[in-house]
């Protein structure tokens, strides 16, 4: 991948395109207009989730969202989890194709695997470099969590 930064997750290289911003909850954000962003899972999240096989939304386009509001559910080989809005704003679109077949999240996370679009302020989103600093800060805890799950 060109024009990206790499974060090593053990032996796995997670690539992060520099033409995007990133949210604290491990989603990428690509501007699609003034204060309007398309979001998807960053490589870090996709690696931790592994094969995503179920996605369900609890919201519809036009809904007003608060930052960190629960908006859906995801199931994968490694986890069942709630999904939360990365920023406050108005949900303008959901990638409906993923409801039938969420495999694009695994195959094309920075393209056809996008999740939703929100019109709102991206003021709290990270640059790619700042996101990598955030990952470095949380990676040790993440590794401990992974090891704890494997030892259950």
N, C-alpha and C. Protein backbone atom coordinates (compact mmCIF):
# COMPACT_ATOMS: atom_id res chain seq x y z
N UNK A 1 0.86 -1.17 0.00
CA UNK A 1 0.00 0.00 0.00
C UNK A 1 0.91 1.23 0.00
N UNK A 2 0.69 2.12 -0.93
CA UNK A 2 1.50 3.34 -0.98
C UNK A 2 0.85 4.43 -0.15
N UNK A 3 1.64 5.41 0.25
CA UNK A 3 1.15 6.53 1.03
C UNK A 3 0.41 6.06 2.27
N UNK A 4 1.10 5.22 3.04
CA UNK A 4 0.51 4.72 4.28
C UNK A 4 1.60 4.62 5.34
N UNK A 5 1.16 4.52 6.57
CA UNK A 5 2.06 4.27 7.68
C UNK A 5 1.76 2.87 8.20
N UNK A 6 2.74 2.23 8.78
CA UNK A 6 2.60 0.87 9.26
C UNK A 6 2.75 0.82 10.77
N UNK A 7 1.89 0.05 11.41
CA UNK A 7 2.01 -0.22 12.84
C UNK A 7 2.15 -1.73 12.99
N UNK A 8 3.19 -2.16 13.69
CA UNK A 8 3.40 -3.59 13.86
C UNK A 8 2.60 -4.10 15.05
N UNK A 9 1.73 -5.05 14.76
CA UNK A 9 0.93 -5.73 15.79
C UNK A 9 1.56 -7.11 15.95
N UNK A 10 2.62 -7.18 16.75
CA UNK A 10 3.41 -8.40 16.80
C UNK A 10 4.08 -8.57 15.45
N UNK A 11 3.80 -9.70 14.78
CA UNK A 11 4.40 -9.95 13.46
C UNK A 11 3.53 -9.43 12.32
N UNK A 12 2.33 -8.95 12.64
CA UNK A 12 1.40 -8.49 11.62
C UNK A 12 1.59 -6.99 11.39
N UNK A 13 1.76 -6.61 10.12
CA UNK A 13 1.90 -5.20 9.75
C UNK A 13 0.53 -4.64 9.40
N UNK A 14 0.03 -3.69 10.20
CA UNK A 14 -1.24 -3.03 9.93
C UNK A 14 -0.94 -1.73 9.19
N UNK A 15 -1.54 -1.58 8.02
CA UNK A 15 -1.31 -0.41 7.16
C UNK A 15 -2.43 0.62 7.37
N UNK A 16 -2.05 1.89 7.40
CA UNK A 16 -2.99 2.98 7.60
C UNK A 16 -2.75 4.06 6.55
N UNK A 17 -3.67 4.19 5.56
CA UNK A 17 -3.51 5.21 4.54
C UNK A 17 -3.45 6.61 5.17
N UNK A 18 -2.57 7.44 4.65
CA UNK A 18 -2.40 8.78 5.21
C UNK A 18 -3.42 9.78 4.65
N UNK A 19 -4.26 9.34 3.70
CA UNK A 19 -5.28 10.24 3.15
C UNK A 19 -6.55 10.24 4.00
N UNK A 20 -6.49 9.66 5.18
CA UNK A 20 -7.64 9.59 6.08
C UNK A 20 -7.27 10.05 7.47
N UNK A 21 -8.31 10.19 8.28
CA UNK A 21 -8.14 10.43 9.70
C UNK A 21 -8.64 9.19 10.42
N UNK A 22 -8.41 9.13 11.71
CA UNK A 22 -8.77 7.93 12.46
C UNK A 22 -9.43 8.31 13.77
N UNK A 23 -10.38 7.46 14.19
CA UNK A 23 -11.12 7.69 15.43
C UNK A 23 -10.53 6.82 16.54
N UNK A 24 -10.76 7.24 17.75
CA UNK A 24 -10.28 6.52 18.94
C UNK A 24 -10.78 5.07 18.96
N UNK A 25 -11.97 4.81 18.37
CA UNK A 25 -12.53 3.46 18.37
C UNK A 25 -12.09 2.64 17.15
N UNK A 26 -10.96 2.98 16.59
CA UNK A 26 -10.28 2.21 15.54
C UNK A 26 -11.05 2.15 14.23
N UNK A 27 -11.65 3.28 13.88
CA UNK A 27 -12.29 3.43 12.58
C UNK A 27 -11.52 4.49 11.80
N UNK A 28 -11.46 4.30 10.48
CA UNK A 28 -10.90 5.34 9.63
C UNK A 28 -12.03 6.28 9.22
N UNK A 29 -11.66 7.50 8.88
CA UNK A 29 -12.61 8.52 8.44
C UNK A 29 -12.05 9.18 7.19
N UNK A 30 -12.85 9.20 6.14
CA UNK A 30 -12.45 9.85 4.90
C UNK A 30 -13.46 10.96 4.62
N UNK A 31 -12.96 12.15 4.40
CA UNK A 31 -13.85 13.27 4.11
C UNK A 31 -14.53 13.05 2.76
N UNK A 32 -15.85 13.20 2.75
CA UNK A 32 -16.62 13.12 1.51
C UNK A 32 -17.38 14.42 1.28
N UNK A 33 -16.92 15.48 1.92
CA UNK A 33 -17.54 16.80 1.81
C UNK A 33 -17.30 17.58 3.09
N UNK A 34 -17.75 18.82 3.12
CA UNK A 34 -17.56 19.65 4.31
C UNK A 34 -18.24 18.99 5.51
N UNK A 35 -17.44 18.70 6.55
CA UNK A 35 -17.96 18.07 7.78
C UNK A 35 -18.85 16.86 7.48
N UNK A 36 -18.42 16.05 6.54
CA UNK A 36 -19.14 14.83 6.16
C UNK A 36 -18.09 13.75 5.94
N UNK A 37 -18.21 12.64 6.68
CA UNK A 37 -17.18 11.62 6.68
C UNK A 37 -17.75 10.23 6.43
N UNK A 38 -16.99 9.44 5.69
CA UNK A 38 -17.28 8.01 5.52
C UNK A 38 -16.36 7.28 6.49
N UNK A 39 -16.91 6.29 7.21
CA UNK A 39 -16.15 5.54 8.21
C UNK A 39 -16.10 4.06 7.88
N UNK A 40 -15.01 3.44 8.29
CA UNK A 40 -14.84 1.99 8.18
C UNK A 40 -13.86 1.54 9.25
N UNK A 41 -13.68 0.25 9.37
CA UNK A 41 -12.74 -0.27 10.36
C UNK A 41 -11.31 -0.13 9.87
N UNK A 42 -10.45 0.40 10.72
CA UNK A 42 -9.02 0.47 10.42
C UNK A 42 -8.42 -0.94 10.49
N UNK A 43 -7.27 -1.12 9.89
CA UNK A 43 -6.60 -2.42 9.85
C UNK A 43 -6.41 -3.01 11.24
N UNK A 44 -6.19 -2.17 12.22
CA UNK A 44 -6.01 -2.62 13.61
C UNK A 44 -7.26 -3.38 14.08
N UNK A 45 -8.43 -2.79 13.86
CA UNK A 45 -9.69 -3.42 14.28
C UNK A 45 -9.95 -4.69 13.49
N UNK A 46 -9.71 -4.65 12.18
CA UNK A 46 -9.97 -5.82 11.33
C UNK A 46 -9.08 -6.98 11.77
N UNK A 47 -7.83 -6.68 12.11
CA UNK A 47 -6.93 -7.74 12.56
C UNK A 47 -7.41 -8.35 13.88
N UNK A 48 -7.87 -7.52 14.81
CA UNK A 48 -8.35 -8.03 16.09
C UNK A 48 -9.66 -8.81 15.94
N UNK A 49 -10.54 -8.33 15.07
CA UNK A 49 -11.83 -9.00 14.87
C UNK A 49 -11.66 -10.30 14.09
N UNK A 50 -10.79 -10.27 13.09
CA UNK A 50 -10.65 -11.33 12.10
C UNK A 50 -11.96 -11.50 11.36
N UNK A 51 -12.22 -12.62 10.77
CA UNK A 51 -13.32 -12.78 9.82
C UNK A 51 -14.67 -12.32 10.36
N UNK A 52 -15.13 -11.16 9.86
CA UNK A 52 -16.44 -10.62 10.23
C UNK A 52 -17.51 -11.38 9.45
N UNK A 53 -18.52 -11.89 10.15
CA UNK A 53 -19.57 -12.62 9.45
C UNK A 53 -20.98 -12.13 9.74
N UNK A 54 -21.14 -11.16 10.66
CA UNK A 54 -22.48 -10.63 10.93
C UNK A 54 -22.39 -9.17 11.33
N UNK A 55 -23.30 -8.37 10.80
CA UNK A 55 -23.36 -6.95 11.09
C UNK A 55 -24.83 -6.55 11.16
N UNK A 56 -25.19 -5.76 12.16
CA UNK A 56 -26.58 -5.32 12.30
C UNK A 56 -26.59 -3.88 12.81
N UNK A 57 -27.42 -3.06 12.20
CA UNK A 57 -27.53 -1.66 12.61
C UNK A 57 -28.75 -1.45 13.49
N UNK A 58 -28.63 -0.61 14.50
CA UNK A 58 -29.75 -0.22 15.36
C UNK A 58 -30.25 1.18 15.01
N UNK A 59 -29.68 1.78 13.99
CA UNK A 59 -30.02 3.14 13.58
C UNK A 59 -30.33 3.15 12.08
N UNK A 60 -30.97 4.23 11.65
CA UNK A 60 -31.28 4.39 10.23
C UNK A 60 -30.74 5.74 9.76
N UNK A 61 -30.57 5.86 8.46
CA UNK A 61 -30.11 7.13 7.89
C UNK A 61 -31.04 8.25 8.33
N UNK A 62 -30.45 9.38 8.69
CA UNK A 62 -31.21 10.53 9.17
C UNK A 62 -31.18 10.65 10.68
N UNK A 63 -30.74 9.60 11.36
CA UNK A 63 -30.70 9.61 12.83
C UNK A 63 -29.62 10.56 13.35
N UNK A 64 -29.97 11.29 14.40
CA UNK A 64 -28.99 12.12 15.10
C UNK A 64 -28.21 11.21 16.05
N UNK A 65 -26.89 11.32 16.01
CA UNK A 65 -26.03 10.46 16.82
C UNK A 65 -25.19 11.27 17.79
N UNK A 66 -25.05 10.75 18.99
CA UNK A 66 -24.10 11.30 19.95
C UNK A 66 -22.80 10.51 19.81
N UNK A 67 -21.68 11.16 20.05
CA UNK A 67 -20.41 10.42 20.04
C UNK A 67 -20.49 9.31 21.08
N UNK A 68 -20.02 8.14 20.70
CA UNK A 68 -20.02 6.93 21.53
C UNK A 68 -21.40 6.31 21.73
N UNK A 69 -22.40 6.76 20.99
CA UNK A 69 -23.73 6.15 21.05
C UNK A 69 -23.67 4.78 20.38
N UNK A 70 -24.31 3.79 20.98
CA UNK A 70 -24.36 2.46 20.37
C UNK A 70 -25.21 2.54 19.11
N UNK A 71 -24.66 2.01 18.00
CA UNK A 71 -25.37 2.10 16.73
C UNK A 71 -25.58 0.75 16.06
N UNK A 72 -24.96 -0.30 16.58
CA UNK A 72 -25.12 -1.61 15.96
C UNK A 72 -24.32 -2.69 16.67
N UNK A 73 -24.32 -3.85 16.03
CA UNK A 73 -23.63 -5.02 16.56
C UNK A 73 -22.80 -5.66 15.45
N UNK A 74 -21.71 -6.29 15.86
CA UNK A 74 -20.87 -7.02 14.91
C UNK A 74 -20.44 -8.34 15.55
N UNK A 75 -20.37 -9.36 14.71
CA UNK A 75 -19.85 -10.65 15.17
C UNK A 75 -18.78 -11.09 14.19
N UNK A 76 -17.73 -11.67 14.76
CA UNK A 76 -16.63 -12.14 13.94
C UNK A 76 -16.09 -13.43 14.54
N UNK A 77 -15.06 -13.94 13.92
CA UNK A 77 -14.40 -15.14 14.42
C UNK A 77 -13.91 -14.95 15.84
N UNK A 78 -13.49 -13.74 16.19
CA UNK A 78 -12.86 -13.49 17.48
C UNK A 78 -13.72 -12.75 18.49
N UNK A 79 -14.81 -12.11 18.05
CA UNK A 79 -15.53 -11.26 19.00
C UNK A 79 -16.98 -11.02 18.60
N UNK A 80 -17.78 -10.75 19.60
CA UNK A 80 -19.12 -10.18 19.43
C UNK A 80 -19.05 -8.84 20.14
N UNK A 81 -19.43 -7.77 19.46
CA UNK A 81 -19.25 -6.46 20.06
C UNK A 81 -20.31 -5.48 19.58
N UNK A 82 -20.54 -4.47 20.39
CA UNK A 82 -21.38 -3.36 19.99
C UNK A 82 -20.54 -2.38 19.19
N UNK A 83 -21.19 -1.67 18.29
CA UNK A 83 -20.52 -0.63 17.51
C UNK A 83 -21.01 0.73 18.01
N UNK A 84 -20.11 1.68 18.05
CA UNK A 84 -20.41 3.00 18.59
C UNK A 84 -20.06 4.08 17.58
N UNK A 85 -20.83 5.15 17.59
CA UNK A 85 -20.57 6.29 16.70
C UNK A 85 -19.22 6.92 17.06
N UNK A 86 -18.35 7.11 16.07
CA UNK A 86 -17.04 7.69 16.34
C UNK A 86 -17.08 9.20 16.57
N UNK A 87 -18.11 9.86 16.04
CA UNK A 87 -18.30 11.30 16.23
C UNK A 87 -19.80 11.58 16.37
N UNK A 88 -20.13 12.74 16.88
CA UNK A 88 -21.53 13.17 16.93
C UNK A 88 -21.91 13.74 15.57
N UNK A 89 -23.17 13.59 15.21
CA UNK A 89 -23.64 14.15 13.94
C UNK A 89 -24.89 13.45 13.47
N UNK A 90 -25.15 13.58 12.18
CA UNK A 90 -26.30 12.96 11.57
C UNK A 90 -25.84 11.82 10.67
N UNK A 91 -26.39 10.64 10.90
CA UNK A 91 -26.08 9.49 10.06
C UNK A 91 -26.71 9.74 8.69
N UNK A 92 -25.90 9.76 7.65
CA UNK A 92 -26.44 10.06 6.32
C UNK A 92 -26.53 8.84 5.43
N UNK A 93 -25.75 7.79 5.73
CA UNK A 93 -25.80 6.58 4.89
C UNK A 93 -25.23 5.40 5.66
N UNK A 94 -25.78 4.23 5.37
CA UNK A 94 -25.25 2.96 5.85
C UNK A 94 -24.86 2.14 4.62
N UNK A 95 -23.80 1.39 4.72
CA UNK A 95 -23.41 0.52 3.61
C UNK A 95 -24.28 -0.73 3.70
N UNK A 96 -25.44 -0.68 3.06
CA UNK A 96 -26.43 -1.75 3.14
C UNK A 96 -25.91 -3.07 2.58
N UNK A 97 -24.97 -3.01 1.64
CA UNK A 97 -24.40 -4.22 1.06
C UNK A 97 -23.77 -5.10 2.13
N UNK A 98 -23.21 -4.48 3.15
CA UNK A 98 -22.55 -5.25 4.21
C UNK A 98 -23.52 -6.07 5.04
N UNK A 99 -24.80 -5.67 5.10
CA UNK A 99 -25.78 -6.44 5.87
C UNK A 99 -25.97 -7.83 5.28
N UNK A 100 -25.92 -7.92 3.96
CA UNK A 100 -26.07 -9.22 3.28
C UNK A 100 -24.76 -10.00 3.30
N UNK A 101 -23.65 -9.28 3.14
CA UNK A 101 -22.35 -9.94 3.07
C UNK A 101 -21.27 -9.01 3.63
N UNK A 102 -20.97 -9.14 4.91
CA UNK A 102 -19.98 -8.25 5.51
C UNK A 102 -18.53 -8.60 5.19
N UNK A 103 -18.30 -9.54 4.29
CA UNK A 103 -16.92 -9.96 4.00
C UNK A 103 -16.06 -8.84 3.42
N UNK A 104 -16.68 -7.82 2.83
CA UNK A 104 -15.89 -6.70 2.29
C UNK A 104 -15.09 -6.00 3.39
N UNK A 105 -15.57 -6.10 4.63
CA UNK A 105 -14.82 -5.53 5.75
C UNK A 105 -13.45 -6.20 5.84
N UNK A 106 -13.40 -7.49 5.60
CA UNK A 106 -12.15 -8.24 5.67
C UNK A 106 -11.30 -8.05 4.42
N UNK A 107 -11.96 -8.00 3.27
CA UNK A 107 -11.26 -8.02 1.99
C UNK A 107 -10.84 -6.63 1.52
N UNK A 108 -11.68 -5.62 1.74
CA UNK A 108 -11.43 -4.28 1.20
C UNK A 108 -11.79 -3.23 2.25
N UNK A 109 -11.13 -3.29 3.41
CA UNK A 109 -11.49 -2.44 4.56
C UNK A 109 -11.43 -0.95 4.27
N UNK A 110 -10.56 -0.53 3.36
CA UNK A 110 -10.43 0.90 3.06
C UNK A 110 -11.18 1.30 1.79
N UNK A 111 -12.00 0.40 1.28
CA UNK A 111 -12.79 0.68 0.07
C UNK A 111 -14.22 0.26 0.26
N UNK A 112 -14.61 -0.85 -0.40
CA UNK A 112 -15.99 -1.33 -0.38
C UNK A 112 -16.45 -1.78 1.02
N UNK A 113 -15.52 -1.96 1.96
CA UNK A 113 -15.87 -2.38 3.31
C UNK A 113 -16.23 -1.23 4.24
N UNK A 114 -16.49 -0.04 3.68
CA UNK A 114 -16.88 1.10 4.53
C UNK A 114 -18.20 0.77 5.24
N UNK A 115 -18.41 1.39 6.41
CA UNK A 115 -19.57 1.07 7.25
C UNK A 115 -20.72 2.06 7.10
N UNK A 116 -20.42 3.36 7.28
CA UNK A 116 -21.48 4.37 7.30
C UNK A 116 -20.88 5.75 7.05
N UNK A 117 -21.76 6.73 6.83
CA UNK A 117 -21.36 8.13 6.67
C UNK A 117 -22.08 8.98 7.71
N UNK A 118 -21.35 9.94 8.25
CA UNK A 118 -21.90 10.86 9.25
C UNK A 118 -21.55 12.29 8.85
N UNK A 119 -22.53 13.17 8.92
CA UNK A 119 -22.29 14.60 8.78
C UNK A 119 -22.10 15.13 10.19
N UNK A 120 -20.92 15.64 10.46
CA UNK A 120 -20.60 16.15 11.79
C UNK A 120 -19.17 16.65 11.83
N UNK A 121 -18.77 17.17 12.96
CA UNK A 121 -17.42 17.72 13.11
C UNK A 121 -16.39 16.60 13.29
N UNK A 122 -15.34 16.68 12.53
CA UNK A 122 -14.24 15.72 12.66
C UNK A 122 -13.10 16.28 13.50
N UNK A 123 -13.41 17.27 14.33
CA UNK A 123 -12.36 17.96 15.09
C UNK A 123 -11.56 17.04 16.01
N UNK A 124 -12.19 15.98 16.51
CA UNK A 124 -11.49 15.09 17.44
C UNK A 124 -10.85 13.88 16.77
N UNK A 125 -10.90 13.81 15.45
CA UNK A 125 -10.27 12.70 14.74
C UNK A 125 -8.76 12.87 14.73
N UNK A 126 -8.04 11.75 14.71
CA UNK A 126 -6.58 11.75 14.70
C UNK A 126 -6.04 11.83 13.27
N UNK A 127 -4.89 12.45 13.11
CA UNK A 127 -4.12 12.29 11.88
C UNK A 127 -3.57 10.87 11.91
N UNK A 128 -3.04 10.39 10.80
CA UNK A 128 -2.48 9.04 10.76
C UNK A 128 -1.35 8.89 11.78
N UNK A 129 -0.47 9.87 11.86
CA UNK A 129 0.65 9.81 12.81
C UNK A 129 0.16 9.82 14.25
N UNK A 130 -0.81 10.66 14.56
CA UNK A 130 -1.35 10.73 15.92
C UNK A 130 -2.07 9.43 16.27
N UNK A 131 -2.74 8.82 15.29
CA UNK A 131 -3.40 7.54 15.53
C UNK A 131 -2.37 6.46 15.86
N UNK A 132 -1.25 6.49 15.18
CA UNK A 132 -0.20 5.50 15.47
C UNK A 132 0.32 5.69 16.89
N UNK A 133 0.43 6.92 17.33
CA UNK A 133 0.83 7.18 18.73
C UNK A 133 -0.21 6.60 19.68
N UNK A 134 -1.49 6.78 19.34
CA UNK A 134 -2.59 6.22 20.15
C UNK A 134 -2.48 4.69 20.20
N UNK A 135 -2.22 4.07 19.04
CA UNK A 135 -2.09 2.60 19.00
C UNK A 135 -0.93 2.13 19.87
N UNK A 136 0.18 2.83 19.81
CA UNK A 136 1.33 2.44 20.63
C UNK A 136 0.96 2.49 22.11
N UNK A 137 0.14 3.46 22.49
CA UNK A 137 -0.27 3.60 23.89
C UNK A 137 -1.22 2.49 24.33
N UNK A 138 -2.06 1.98 23.43
CA UNK A 138 -3.04 0.95 23.82
C UNK A 138 -2.60 -0.47 23.47
N UNK A 139 -1.55 -0.63 22.70
CA UNK A 139 -1.14 -1.95 22.22
C UNK A 139 -0.79 -2.91 23.35
N UNK A 140 -0.10 -2.44 24.37
CA UNK A 140 0.29 -3.33 25.46
C UNK A 140 -0.96 -3.90 26.16
N UNK A 141 -1.94 -3.06 26.44
CA UNK A 141 -3.18 -3.53 27.07
C UNK A 141 -3.91 -4.50 26.14
N UNK A 142 -3.92 -4.19 24.85
CA UNK A 142 -4.57 -5.06 23.87
C UNK A 142 -3.92 -6.44 23.87
N UNK A 143 -2.60 -6.49 23.88
CA UNK A 143 -1.90 -7.78 23.90
C UNK A 143 -2.25 -8.58 25.15
N UNK A 144 -2.32 -7.91 26.28
CA UNK A 144 -2.67 -8.60 27.53
C UNK A 144 -4.09 -9.16 27.45
N UNK A 145 -5.00 -8.41 26.86
CA UNK A 145 -6.38 -8.86 26.70
C UNK A 145 -6.43 -10.09 25.80
N UNK A 146 -5.71 -10.03 24.68
CA UNK A 146 -5.68 -11.15 23.74
C UNK A 146 -5.12 -12.40 24.44
N UNK A 147 -4.02 -12.25 25.14
CA UNK A 147 -3.42 -13.39 25.84
C UNK A 147 -4.37 -13.94 26.90
N UNK A 148 -5.08 -13.08 27.60
CA UNK A 148 -6.04 -13.51 28.61
C UNK A 148 -7.17 -14.31 27.99
N UNK A 149 -7.63 -13.89 26.78
CA UNK A 149 -8.71 -14.61 26.10
C UNK A 149 -8.24 -15.98 25.64
N UNK A 150 -6.98 -16.08 25.21
CA UNK A 150 -6.46 -17.34 24.74
C UNK A 150 -6.25 -18.33 25.90
N UNK A 151 -6.05 -17.81 27.10
CA UNK A 151 -5.78 -18.68 28.25
C UNK A 151 -7.06 -19.11 28.98
N UNK A 152 -8.22 -18.68 28.49
CA UNK A 152 -9.49 -19.06 29.15
C UNK A 152 -9.85 -20.49 28.82
